[in-house]
Protein backbone atom coordinates (compact mmCIF):
# COMPACT_ATOMS: atom_id res chain seq x y z
CA UNK A 1 0.00 0.00 0.00
CA UNK A 2 1.38 3.45 -0.89
CA UNK A 3 1.77 6.18 1.72
CA UNK A 4 -0.82 8.26 -0.11
CA UNK A 5 -3.36 5.41 0.12
CA UNK A 6 -2.57 4.95 3.81
CA UNK A 7 -3.03 8.63 4.73
CA UNK A 8 -6.85 8.71 4.70
CA UNK A 9 -7.40 5.71 7.03
CA UNK A 10 -4.78 7.02 9.46
CA UNK A 11 -6.18 10.56 9.57
CA UNK A 12 -9.81 9.41 9.67
CA UNK A 13 -9.07 7.51 12.92
CA UNK A 14 -6.96 10.35 14.39
CA UNK A 15 -8.40 13.32 16.31
CA UNK A 16 -10.25 15.65 13.90
CA UNK A 17 -8.00 18.60 14.70
CA UNK A 18 -4.92 16.84 13.30
CA UNK A 19 -6.34 17.00 9.77
CA UNK A 20 -7.36 20.62 10.37
CA UNK A 21 -3.80 21.49 11.44
CA UNK A 22 -2.44 19.89 8.27
CA UNK A 23 -5.01 21.81 6.21
CA UNK A 24 -4.02 25.12 7.86
CA UNK A 25 -0.30 24.48 7.36
CA UNK A 26 -0.84 23.48 3.74
CA UNK A 27 -3.04 26.51 3.09
CA UNK A 28 -0.45 28.84 4.62
CA UNK A 29 2.41 27.28 2.67
CA UNK A 30 0.68 27.24 -0.72
CA UNK A 31 -0.66 30.76 -0.18
CA UNK A 32 2.91 32.08 -0.11
CA UNK A 33 3.36 31.13 -3.78
CA UNK A 34 -0.11 30.79 -5.31
CA UNK A 35 -3.51 32.55 -5.09
CA UNK A 36 -5.77 32.02 -2.06
CA UNK A 37 -8.29 29.98 -4.05
CA UNK A 38 -5.61 27.51 -5.12
CA UNK A 39 -4.36 27.31 -1.54
CA UNK A 40 -7.90 26.61 -0.33
CA UNK A 41 -8.43 23.81 -2.84
CA UNK A 42 -5.09 22.24 -1.93
CA UNK A 43 -6.19 22.15 1.73
CA UNK A 44 -9.78 21.06 1.02
CA UNK A 45 -9.15 17.25 1.19
CA UNK A 46 -7.78 17.65 4.72
CA UNK A 47 -10.70 19.86 5.74
CA UNK A 48 -13.09 17.15 4.51
CA UNK A 49 -11.16 14.42 6.37
CA UNK A 50 -11.31 16.59 9.51
CA UNK A 51 -15.11 16.82 9.18
CA UNK A 52 -15.42 13.08 8.59
CA UNK A 53 -13.21 12.27 11.60
CA UNK A 54 -15.16 14.75 13.75
CA UNK A 55 -18.51 13.16 12.91
CA UNK A 56 -17.11 9.69 13.62
CA UNK A 57 -15.77 10.81 16.96
CA UNK A 58 -19.11 12.39 17.93
CA UNK A 59 -20.84 9.08 17.18
CA UNK A 60 -18.34 7.05 19.22
CA UNK A 61 -19.92 5.25 22.19
CA UNK A 62 -19.25 6.35 25.79
CA UNK A 63 -16.46 4.74 27.82
CA UNK A 64 -19.00 2.77 29.87
CA UNK A 65 -20.72 1.55 26.72
CA UNK A 66 -17.37 0.55 25.17
CA UNK A 67 -16.39 -1.39 28.31
CA UNK A 68 -19.76 -3.15 28.39
CA UNK A 69 -19.60 -4.16 24.73
CA UNK A 70 -15.97 -5.34 24.99
CA UNK A 71 -16.85 -7.43 28.07
CA UNK A 72 -19.73 -9.02 26.15
CA UNK A 73 -17.43 -9.78 23.19
CA UNK A 74 -14.85 -11.40 25.48
CA UNK A 75 -17.56 -13.70 26.88
CA UNK A 76 -18.69 -14.95 23.47
CA UNK A 77 -17.86 -18.27 21.87
CA UNK A 78 -15.98 -18.19 18.55
CA UNK A 79 -19.20 -19.15 16.74
CA UNK A 80 -21.08 -16.16 18.15
CA UNK A 81 -18.17 -13.75 17.80
CA UNK A 82 -17.44 -14.74 14.19
CA UNK A 83 -21.13 -14.34 13.31
CA UNK A 84 -21.18 -10.86 14.90
CA UNK A 85 -18.00 -9.80 13.06
CA UNK A 86 -19.18 -11.11 9.68
CA UNK A 87 -22.51 -9.33 10.17
CA UNK A 88 -20.81 -6.09 11.30
CA UNK A 89 -18.39 -6.10 8.35
CA UNK A 90 -21.31 -6.66 5.96
CA UNK A 91 -23.17 -3.73 7.53
CA UNK A 92 -20.01 -1.67 6.98
CA UNK A 93 -20.31 -2.34 3.24
CA UNK A 94 -17.98 -5.32 2.79
CA UNK A 95 -18.64 -8.59 1.02
CA UNK A 96 -17.43 -11.16 3.55
CA UNK A 97 -15.88 -14.55 2.74
CA UNK A 98 -14.59 -16.86 5.47
CA UNK A 99 -11.14 -18.30 4.74
CA UNK A 100 -9.27 -21.28 6.19
CA UNK A 101 -6.00 -19.74 7.29
CA UNK A 102 -4.22 -19.89 10.66
CA UNK A 103 -3.40 -16.17 10.54
CA UNK A 104 -6.60 -14.76 8.98
CA UNK A 105 -10.33 -15.40 9.08
CA UNK A 106 -12.02 -13.28 6.41
CA UNK A 107 -11.56 -11.81 2.98
CA UNK A 108 -13.41 -8.48 2.89
CA UNK A 109 -14.18 -6.80 -0.43
CA UNK A 110 -15.39 -3.25 -0.88
CA UNK A 111 -15.05 -0.82 -3.79
CA UNK A 112 -12.66 -3.13 -5.64
CA UNK A 113 -10.29 -3.44 -2.67
CA UNK A 114 -9.42 -6.67 -0.87
CA UNK A 115 -8.85 -6.59 2.89
CA UNK A 116 -7.76 -9.54 5.02
CA UNK A 117 -9.14 -9.66 8.59
CA UNK A 118 -7.89 -11.67 11.55
CA UNK A 119 -10.37 -12.07 14.40
CA UNK A 120 -9.71 -15.44 16.04
CA UNK A 121 -7.45 -14.12 18.84
CA UNK A 122 -10.00 -11.50 19.99
CA UNK A 123 -9.92 -12.69 23.62
CA UNK A 124 -6.14 -12.41 24.04
CA UNK A 125 -5.42 -9.79 26.69
CA UNK A 126 -2.12 -8.62 25.16
CA UNK A 127 -1.07 -9.07 21.51
CA UNK A 128 2.56 -8.96 20.43
CA UNK A 129 4.14 -8.69 16.97
CA UNK A 130 3.83 -12.41 16.08
CA UNK A 131 0.15 -12.48 15.05
CA UNK A 132 0.50 -9.17 13.18
CA UNK A 133 3.52 -10.46 11.26
CA UNK A 134 1.57 -13.61 10.32
CA UNK A 135 -1.38 -11.47 9.17
CA UNK A 136 0.93 -9.32 7.03
CA UNK A 137 2.34 -12.47 5.37
CA UNK A 138 -1.19 -13.70 4.66
CA UNK A 139 -2.11 -10.27 3.27
CA UNK A 140 0.90 -10.34 0.91
CA UNK A 141 0.24 -13.95 -0.13
CA UNK A 142 -3.33 -13.05 -1.09
CA UNK A 143 -2.22 -9.84 -2.84
CA UNK A 144 -4.61 -7.83 -0.66
CA UNK A 145 -4.61 -4.04 -0.32
CA UNK A 146 -5.22 -3.82 3.44
CA UNK A 147 -5.46 -5.88 6.60
CA UNK A 148 -7.40 -5.61 9.86
CA UNK A 149 -6.51 -7.19 13.19
CA UNK A 150 -9.45 -7.46 15.62
CA UNK A 151 -8.86 -7.64 19.37
CA UNK A 152 -10.82 -6.92 22.53
CA UNK A 153 -7.47 -6.72 24.34
CA UNK A 154 -4.41 -4.48 24.23
CA UNK A 155 -1.27 -4.44 22.07
CA UNK A 156 2.41 -4.28 22.96
CA UNK A 157 4.33 -1.14 22.02
CA UNK A 158 6.24 -3.14 19.39
CA UNK A 159 2.96 -4.42 17.92
CA UNK A 160 1.55 -0.88 17.72
CA UNK A 161 4.78 0.35 16.09
CA UNK A 162 4.63 -2.47 13.53
CA UNK A 163 0.94 -1.77 12.84
CA UNK A 164 1.69 1.91 12.21
CA UNK A 165 4.71 1.17 10.00
CA UNK A 166 2.92 -1.48 7.92
CA UNK A 167 -0.54 0.17 8.07
CA UNK A 168 -2.27 -2.71 9.83
CA UNK A 169 -5.65 -1.45 11.03
CA UNK A 170 -6.05 -2.38 14.69
CA UNK A 171 -9.78 -2.75 15.28
CA UNK A 172 -10.16 -2.45 19.04
CA UNK A 173 -11.73 -0.42 21.86
CA UNK A 174 -14.24 2.26 20.79
CA UNK A 175 -13.94 1.49 17.08
CA UNK A 176 -14.67 -2.21 17.65
CA UNK A 177 -17.54 -1.36 20.02
CA UNK A 178 -19.05 1.02 17.45
CA UNK A 179 -18.74 -1.51 14.61
CA UNK A 180 -20.31 -4.46 16.44
CA UNK A 181 -23.21 -2.30 17.63
CA UNK A 182 -24.47 -2.26 14.02
CA UNK A 183 -24.87 -6.04 14.03
CA UNK A 184 -28.39 -7.42 14.70
CA UNK A 185 -26.69 -10.60 15.97
CA UNK A 186 -24.77 -8.54 18.55
CA UNK A 187 -27.96 -6.76 19.62
CA UNK A 188 -29.68 -10.13 20.04
CA UNK A 189 -26.81 -11.55 22.12
CA UNK A 190 -26.60 -8.32 24.14
CA UNK A 191 -30.33 -8.46 24.93
CA UNK A 192 -30.05 -12.12 25.93
CA UNK A 193 -27.11 -11.33 28.22
CA UNK A 194 -29.06 -8.44 29.78
CA UNK A 195 -32.08 -10.69 30.38
CA UNK A 196 -29.90 -13.19 32.30
CA UNK A 197 -28.76 -10.51 34.80
C-alpha atoms as a PDB file:
ATOM      1  CA  UNK A   1       0.000   0.000   0.000  1.00  0.00           C
ATOM      2  CA  UNK A   2       1.382   3.448  -0.888  1.00  0.00           C
ATOM      3  CA  UNK A   3       1.773   6.176   1.724  1.00  0.00           C
ATOM      4  CA  UNK A   4      -0.819   8.260  -0.105  1.00  0.00           C
ATOM      5  CA  UNK A   5      -3.362   5.411   0.116  1.00  0.00           C
ATOM      6  CA  UNK A   6      -2.575   4.954   3.810  1.00  0.00           C
ATOM      7  CA  UNK A   7      -3.030   8.632   4.734  1.00  0.00           C
ATOM      8  CA  UNK A   8      -6.850   8.707   4.702  1.00  0.00           C
ATOM      9  CA  UNK A   9      -7.397   5.711   7.032  1.00  0.00           C
ATOM     10  CA  UNK A  10      -4.775   7.022   9.460  1.00  0.00           C
ATOM     11  CA  UNK A  11      -6.181  10.563   9.572  1.00  0.00           C
ATOM     12  CA  UNK A  12      -9.813   9.412   9.674  1.00  0.00           C
ATOM     13  CA  UNK A  13      -9.068   7.514  12.917  1.00  0.00           C
ATOM     14  CA  UNK A  14      -6.960  10.352  14.386  1.00  0.00           C
ATOM     15  CA  UNK A  15      -8.402  13.324  16.309  1.00  0.00           C
ATOM     16  CA  UNK A  16     -10.247  15.645  13.896  1.00  0.00           C
ATOM     17  CA  UNK A  17      -8.001  18.600  14.700  1.00  0.00           C
ATOM     18  CA  UNK A  18      -4.920  16.836  13.298  1.00  0.00           C
ATOM     19  CA  UNK A  19      -6.340  17.004   9.775  1.00  0.00           C
ATOM     20  CA  UNK A  20      -7.364  20.621  10.375  1.00  0.00           C
ATOM     21  CA  UNK A  21      -3.797  21.489  11.444  1.00  0.00           C
ATOM     22  CA  UNK A  22      -2.436  19.890   8.271  1.00  0.00           C
ATOM     23  CA  UNK A  23      -5.011  21.814   6.214  1.00  0.00           C
ATOM     24  CA  UNK A  24      -4.021  25.121   7.863  1.00  0.00           C
ATOM     25  CA  UNK A  25      -0.299  24.481   7.364  1.00  0.00           C
ATOM     26  CA  UNK A  26      -0.837  23.480   3.741  1.00  0.00           C
ATOM     27  CA  UNK A  27      -3.042  26.505   3.088  1.00  0.00           C
ATOM     28  CA  UNK A  28      -0.455  28.839   4.620  1.00  0.00           C
ATOM     29  CA  UNK A  29       2.414  27.284   2.668  1.00  0.00           C
ATOM     30  CA  UNK A  30       0.678  27.237  -0.724  1.00  0.00           C
ATOM     31  CA  UNK A  31      -0.660  30.761  -0.176  1.00  0.00           C
ATOM     32  CA  UNK A  32       2.912  32.080  -0.113  1.00  0.00           C
ATOM     33  CA  UNK A  33       3.365  31.128  -3.780  1.00  0.00           C
ATOM     34  CA  UNK A  34      -0.115  30.788  -5.308  1.00  0.00           C
ATOM     35  CA  UNK A  35      -3.512  32.555  -5.093  1.00  0.00           C
ATOM     36  CA  UNK A  36      -5.768  32.024  -2.057  1.00  0.00           C
ATOM     37  CA  UNK A  37      -8.287  29.984  -4.047  1.00  0.00           C
ATOM     38  CA  UNK A  38      -5.605  27.506  -5.123  1.00  0.00           C
ATOM     39  CA  UNK A  39      -4.357  27.314  -1.545  1.00  0.00           C
ATOM     40  CA  UNK A  40      -7.903  26.615  -0.330  1.00  0.00           C
ATOM     41  CA  UNK A  41      -8.432  23.809  -2.841  1.00  0.00           C
ATOM     42  CA  UNK A  42      -5.093  22.239  -1.933  1.00  0.00           C
ATOM     43  CA  UNK A  43      -6.187  22.150   1.735  1.00  0.00           C
ATOM     44  CA  UNK A  44      -9.778  21.055   1.017  1.00  0.00           C
ATOM     45  CA  UNK A  45      -9.150  17.253   1.190  1.00  0.00           C
ATOM     46  CA  UNK A  46      -7.776  17.646   4.720  1.00  0.00           C
ATOM     47  CA  UNK A  47     -10.700  19.863   5.737  1.00  0.00           C
ATOM     48  CA  UNK A  48     -13.090  17.149   4.512  1.00  0.00           C
ATOM     49  CA  UNK A  49     -11.160  14.422   6.366  1.00  0.00           C
ATOM     50  CA  UNK A  50     -11.315  16.586   9.506  1.00  0.00           C
ATOM     51  CA  UNK A  51     -15.106  16.820   9.184  1.00  0.00           C
ATOM     52  CA  UNK A  52     -15.419  13.078   8.586  1.00  0.00           C
ATOM     53  CA  UNK A  53     -13.211  12.274  11.605  1.00  0.00           C
ATOM     54  CA  UNK A  54     -15.164  14.755  13.746  1.00  0.00           C
ATOM     55  CA  UNK A  55     -18.511  13.157  12.908  1.00  0.00           C
ATOM     56  CA  UNK A  56     -17.107   9.686  13.623  1.00  0.00           C
ATOM     57  CA  UNK A  57     -15.766  10.814  16.963  1.00  0.00           C
ATOM     58  CA  UNK A  58     -19.107  12.387  17.932  1.00  0.00           C
ATOM     59  CA  UNK A  59     -20.836   9.080  17.179  1.00  0.00           C
ATOM     60  CA  UNK A  60     -18.344   7.054  19.225  1.00  0.00           C
ATOM     61  CA  UNK A  61     -19.921   5.254  22.187  1.00  0.00           C
ATOM     62  CA  UNK A  62     -19.254   6.352  25.792  1.00  0.00           C
ATOM     63  CA  UNK A  63     -16.456   4.743  27.821  1.00  0.00           C
ATOM     64  CA  UNK A  64     -18.999   2.771  29.869  1.00  0.00           C
ATOM     65  CA  UNK A  65     -20.716   1.545  26.718  1.00  0.00           C
ATOM     66  CA  UNK A  66     -17.372   0.548  25.173  1.00  0.00           C
ATOM     67  CA  UNK A  67     -16.386  -1.390  28.314  1.00  0.00           C
ATOM     68  CA  UNK A  68     -19.761  -3.151  28.393  1.00  0.00           C
ATOM     69  CA  UNK A  69     -19.597  -4.164  24.728  1.00  0.00           C
ATOM     70  CA  UNK A  70     -15.971  -5.335  24.993  1.00  0.00           C
ATOM     71  CA  UNK A  71     -16.853  -7.432  28.069  1.00  0.00           C
ATOM     72  CA  UNK A  72     -19.726  -9.016  26.153  1.00  0.00           C
ATOM     73  CA  UNK A  73     -17.429  -9.778  23.189  1.00  0.00           C
ATOM     74  CA  UNK A  74     -14.853 -11.396  25.479  1.00  0.00           C
ATOM     75  CA  UNK A  75     -17.562 -13.697  26.882  1.00  0.00           C
ATOM     76  CA  UNK A  76     -18.690 -14.953  23.468  1.00  0.00           C
ATOM     77  CA  UNK A  77     -17.864 -18.274  21.874  1.00  0.00           C
ATOM     78  CA  UNK A  78     -15.983 -18.194  18.552  1.00  0.00           C
ATOM     79  CA  UNK A  79     -19.205 -19.150  16.735  1.00  0.00           C
ATOM     80  CA  UNK A  80     -21.085 -16.158  18.155  1.00  0.00           C
ATOM     81  CA  UNK A  81     -18.166 -13.748  17.805  1.00  0.00           C
ATOM     82  CA  UNK A  82     -17.436 -14.736  14.194  1.00  0.00           C
ATOM     83  CA  UNK A  83     -21.134 -14.344  13.307  1.00  0.00           C
ATOM     84  CA  UNK A  84     -21.178 -10.865  14.900  1.00  0.00           C
ATOM     85  CA  UNK A  85     -17.998  -9.802  13.062  1.00  0.00           C
ATOM     86  CA  UNK A  86     -19.180 -11.108   9.684  1.00  0.00           C
ATOM     87  CA  UNK A  87     -22.507  -9.328  10.170  1.00  0.00           C
ATOM     88  CA  UNK A  88     -20.811  -6.088  11.300  1.00  0.00           C
ATOM     89  CA  UNK A  89     -18.393  -6.098   8.350  1.00  0.00           C
ATOM     90  CA  UNK A  90     -21.307  -6.660   5.958  1.00  0.00           C
ATOM     91  CA  UNK A  91     -23.174  -3.727   7.528  1.00  0.00           C
ATOM     92  CA  UNK A  92     -20.013  -1.672   6.984  1.00  0.00           C
ATOM     93  CA  UNK A  93     -20.306  -2.336   3.240  1.00  0.00           C
ATOM     94  CA  UNK A  94     -17.983  -5.319   2.792  1.00  0.00           C
ATOM     95  CA  UNK A  95     -18.641  -8.585   1.020  1.00  0.00           C
ATOM     96  CA  UNK A  96     -17.427 -11.157   3.547  1.00  0.00           C
ATOM     97  CA  UNK A  97     -15.884 -14.547   2.738  1.00  0.00           C
ATOM     98  CA  UNK A  98     -14.588 -16.858   5.467  1.00  0.00           C
ATOM     99  CA  UNK A  99     -11.137 -18.299   4.744  1.00  0.00           C
ATOM    100  CA  UNK A 100      -9.275 -21.284   6.194  1.00  0.00           C
ATOM    101  CA  UNK A 101      -5.999 -19.738   7.290  1.00  0.00           C
ATOM    102  CA  UNK A 102      -4.220 -19.890  10.664  1.00  0.00           C
ATOM    103  CA  UNK A 103      -3.403 -16.174  10.540  1.00  0.00           C
ATOM    104  CA  UNK A 104      -6.595 -14.756   8.984  1.00  0.00           C
ATOM    105  CA  UNK A 105     -10.328 -15.401   9.075  1.00  0.00           C
ATOM    106  CA  UNK A 106     -12.024 -13.280   6.410  1.00  0.00           C
ATOM    107  CA  UNK A 107     -11.558 -11.807   2.984  1.00  0.00           C
ATOM    108  CA  UNK A 108     -13.414  -8.483   2.888  1.00  0.00           C
ATOM    109  CA  UNK A 109     -14.177  -6.804  -0.432  1.00  0.00           C
ATOM    110  CA  UNK A 110     -15.395  -3.252  -0.880  1.00  0.00           C
ATOM    111  CA  UNK A 111     -15.051  -0.819  -3.791  1.00  0.00           C
ATOM    112  CA  UNK A 112     -12.656  -3.125  -5.636  1.00  0.00           C
ATOM    113  CA  UNK A 113     -10.286  -3.437  -2.668  1.00  0.00           C
ATOM    114  CA  UNK A 114      -9.420  -6.668  -0.872  1.00  0.00           C
ATOM    115  CA  UNK A 115      -8.849  -6.586   2.888  1.00  0.00           C
ATOM    116  CA  UNK A 116      -7.761  -9.536   5.025  1.00  0.00           C
ATOM    117  CA  UNK A 117      -9.139  -9.660   8.586  1.00  0.00           C
ATOM    118  CA  UNK A 118      -7.885 -11.670  11.547  1.00  0.00           C
ATOM    119  CA  UNK A 119     -10.373 -12.074  14.405  1.00  0.00           C
ATOM    120  CA  UNK A 120      -9.707 -15.440  16.037  1.00  0.00           C
ATOM    121  CA  UNK A 121      -7.452 -14.121  18.844  1.00  0.00           C
ATOM    122  CA  UNK A 122     -10.002 -11.504  19.987  1.00  0.00           C
ATOM    123  CA  UNK A 123      -9.924 -12.687  23.618  1.00  0.00           C
ATOM    124  CA  UNK A 124      -6.140 -12.415  24.037  1.00  0.00           C
ATOM    125  CA  UNK A 125      -5.416  -9.792  26.692  1.00  0.00           C
ATOM    126  CA  UNK A 126      -2.120  -8.618  25.159  1.00  0.00           C
ATOM    127  CA  UNK A 127      -1.071  -9.075  21.510  1.00  0.00           C
ATOM    128  CA  UNK A 128       2.565  -8.962  20.426  1.00  0.00           C
ATOM    129  CA  UNK A 129       4.139  -8.694  16.974  1.00  0.00           C
ATOM    130  CA  UNK A 130       3.829 -12.406  16.082  1.00  0.00           C
ATOM    131  CA  UNK A 131       0.147 -12.478  15.050  1.00  0.00           C
ATOM    132  CA  UNK A 132       0.498  -9.168  13.176  1.00  0.00           C
ATOM    133  CA  UNK A 133       3.521 -10.462  11.257  1.00  0.00           C
ATOM    134  CA  UNK A 134       1.569 -13.611  10.321  1.00  0.00           C
ATOM    135  CA  UNK A 135      -1.378 -11.465   9.168  1.00  0.00           C
ATOM    136  CA  UNK A 136       0.934  -9.324   7.027  1.00  0.00           C
ATOM    137  CA  UNK A 137       2.344 -12.466   5.368  1.00  0.00           C
ATOM    138  CA  UNK A 138      -1.188 -13.701   4.657  1.00  0.00           C
ATOM    139  CA  UNK A 139      -2.109 -10.270   3.267  1.00  0.00           C
ATOM    140  CA  UNK A 140       0.900 -10.335   0.912  1.00  0.00           C
ATOM    141  CA  UNK A 141       0.238 -13.946  -0.134  1.00  0.00           C
ATOM    142  CA  UNK A 142      -3.334 -13.047  -1.090  1.00  0.00           C
ATOM    143  CA  UNK A 143      -2.218  -9.840  -2.835  1.00  0.00           C
ATOM    144  CA  UNK A 144      -4.613  -7.830  -0.657  1.00  0.00           C
ATOM    145  CA  UNK A 145      -4.609  -4.041  -0.325  1.00  0.00           C
ATOM    146  CA  UNK A 146      -5.224  -3.817   3.437  1.00  0.00           C
ATOM    147  CA  UNK A 147      -5.456  -5.884   6.600  1.00  0.00           C
ATOM    148  CA  UNK A 148      -7.398  -5.608   9.859  1.00  0.00           C
ATOM    149  CA  UNK A 149      -6.513  -7.188  13.194  1.00  0.00           C
ATOM    150  CA  UNK A 150      -9.448  -7.456  15.624  1.00  0.00           C
ATOM    151  CA  UNK A 151      -8.858  -7.636  19.367  1.00  0.00           C
ATOM    152  CA  UNK A 152     -10.821  -6.917  22.535  1.00  0.00           C
ATOM    153  CA  UNK A 153      -7.471  -6.720  24.343  1.00  0.00           C
ATOM    154  CA  UNK A 154      -4.407  -4.484  24.226  1.00  0.00           C
ATOM    155  CA  UNK A 155      -1.268  -4.444  22.068  1.00  0.00           C
ATOM    156  CA  UNK A 156       2.409  -4.285  22.960  1.00  0.00           C
ATOM    157  CA  UNK A 157       4.329  -1.135  22.021  1.00  0.00           C
ATOM    158  CA  UNK A 158       6.239  -3.141  19.385  1.00  0.00           C
ATOM    159  CA  UNK A 159       2.959  -4.423  17.916  1.00  0.00           C
ATOM    160  CA  UNK A 160       1.552  -0.883  17.719  1.00  0.00           C
ATOM    161  CA  UNK A 161       4.784   0.345  16.085  1.00  0.00           C
ATOM    162  CA  UNK A 162       4.628  -2.474  13.534  1.00  0.00           C
ATOM    163  CA  UNK A 163       0.937  -1.771  12.844  1.00  0.00           C
ATOM    164  CA  UNK A 164       1.693   1.909  12.206  1.00  0.00           C
ATOM    165  CA  UNK A 165       4.715   1.167  10.003  1.00  0.00           C
ATOM    166  CA  UNK A 166       2.925  -1.477   7.924  1.00  0.00           C
ATOM    167  CA  UNK A 167      -0.539   0.168   8.074  1.00  0.00           C
ATOM    168  CA  UNK A 168      -2.270  -2.708   9.830  1.00  0.00           C
ATOM    169  CA  UNK A 169      -5.648  -1.448  11.028  1.00  0.00           C
ATOM    170  CA  UNK A 170      -6.047  -2.380  14.692  1.00  0.00           C
ATOM    171  CA  UNK A 171      -9.780  -2.748  15.284  1.00  0.00           C
ATOM    172  CA  UNK A 172     -10.161  -2.445  19.041  1.00  0.00           C
ATOM    173  CA  UNK A 173     -11.728  -0.425  21.865  1.00  0.00           C
ATOM    174  CA  UNK A 174     -14.240   2.261  20.792  1.00  0.00           C
ATOM    175  CA  UNK A 175     -13.942   1.489  17.076  1.00  0.00           C
ATOM    176  CA  UNK A 176     -14.675  -2.211  17.647  1.00  0.00           C
ATOM    177  CA  UNK A 177     -17.542  -1.361  20.018  1.00  0.00           C
ATOM    178  CA  UNK A 178     -19.052   1.021  17.455  1.00  0.00           C
ATOM    179  CA  UNK A 179     -18.738  -1.508  14.610  1.00  0.00           C
ATOM    180  CA  UNK A 180     -20.311  -4.463  16.442  1.00  0.00           C
ATOM    181  CA  UNK A 181     -23.210  -2.297  17.634  1.00  0.00           C
ATOM    182  CA  UNK A 182     -24.470  -2.257  14.022  1.00  0.00           C
ATOM    183  CA  UNK A 183     -24.870  -6.042  14.033  1.00  0.00           C
ATOM    184  CA  UNK A 184     -28.386  -7.424  14.698  1.00  0.00           C
ATOM    185  CA  UNK A 185     -26.694 -10.601  15.971  1.00  0.00           C
ATOM    186  CA  UNK A 186     -24.766  -8.540  18.550  1.00  0.00           C
ATOM    187  CA  UNK A 187     -27.958  -6.758  19.623  1.00  0.00           C
ATOM    188  CA  UNK A 188     -29.682 -10.127  20.044  1.00  0.00           C
ATOM    189  CA  UNK A 189     -26.810 -11.546  22.124  1.00  0.00           C
ATOM    190  CA  UNK A 190     -26.596  -8.321  24.136  1.00  0.00           C
ATOM    191  CA  UNK A 191     -30.326  -8.464  24.931  1.00  0.00           C
ATOM    192  CA  UNK A 192     -30.054 -12.125  25.928  1.00  0.00           C
ATOM    193  CA  UNK A 193     -27.108 -11.329  28.220  1.00  0.00           C
ATOM    194  CA  UNK A 194     -29.058  -8.437  29.777  1.00  0.00           C
ATOM    195  CA  UNK A 195     -32.077 -10.692  30.378  1.00  0.00           C
ATOM    196  CA  UNK A 196     -29.896 -13.190  32.304  1.00  0.00           C
ATOM    197  CA  UNK A 197     -28.761 -10.511  34.797  1.00  0.00           C
END
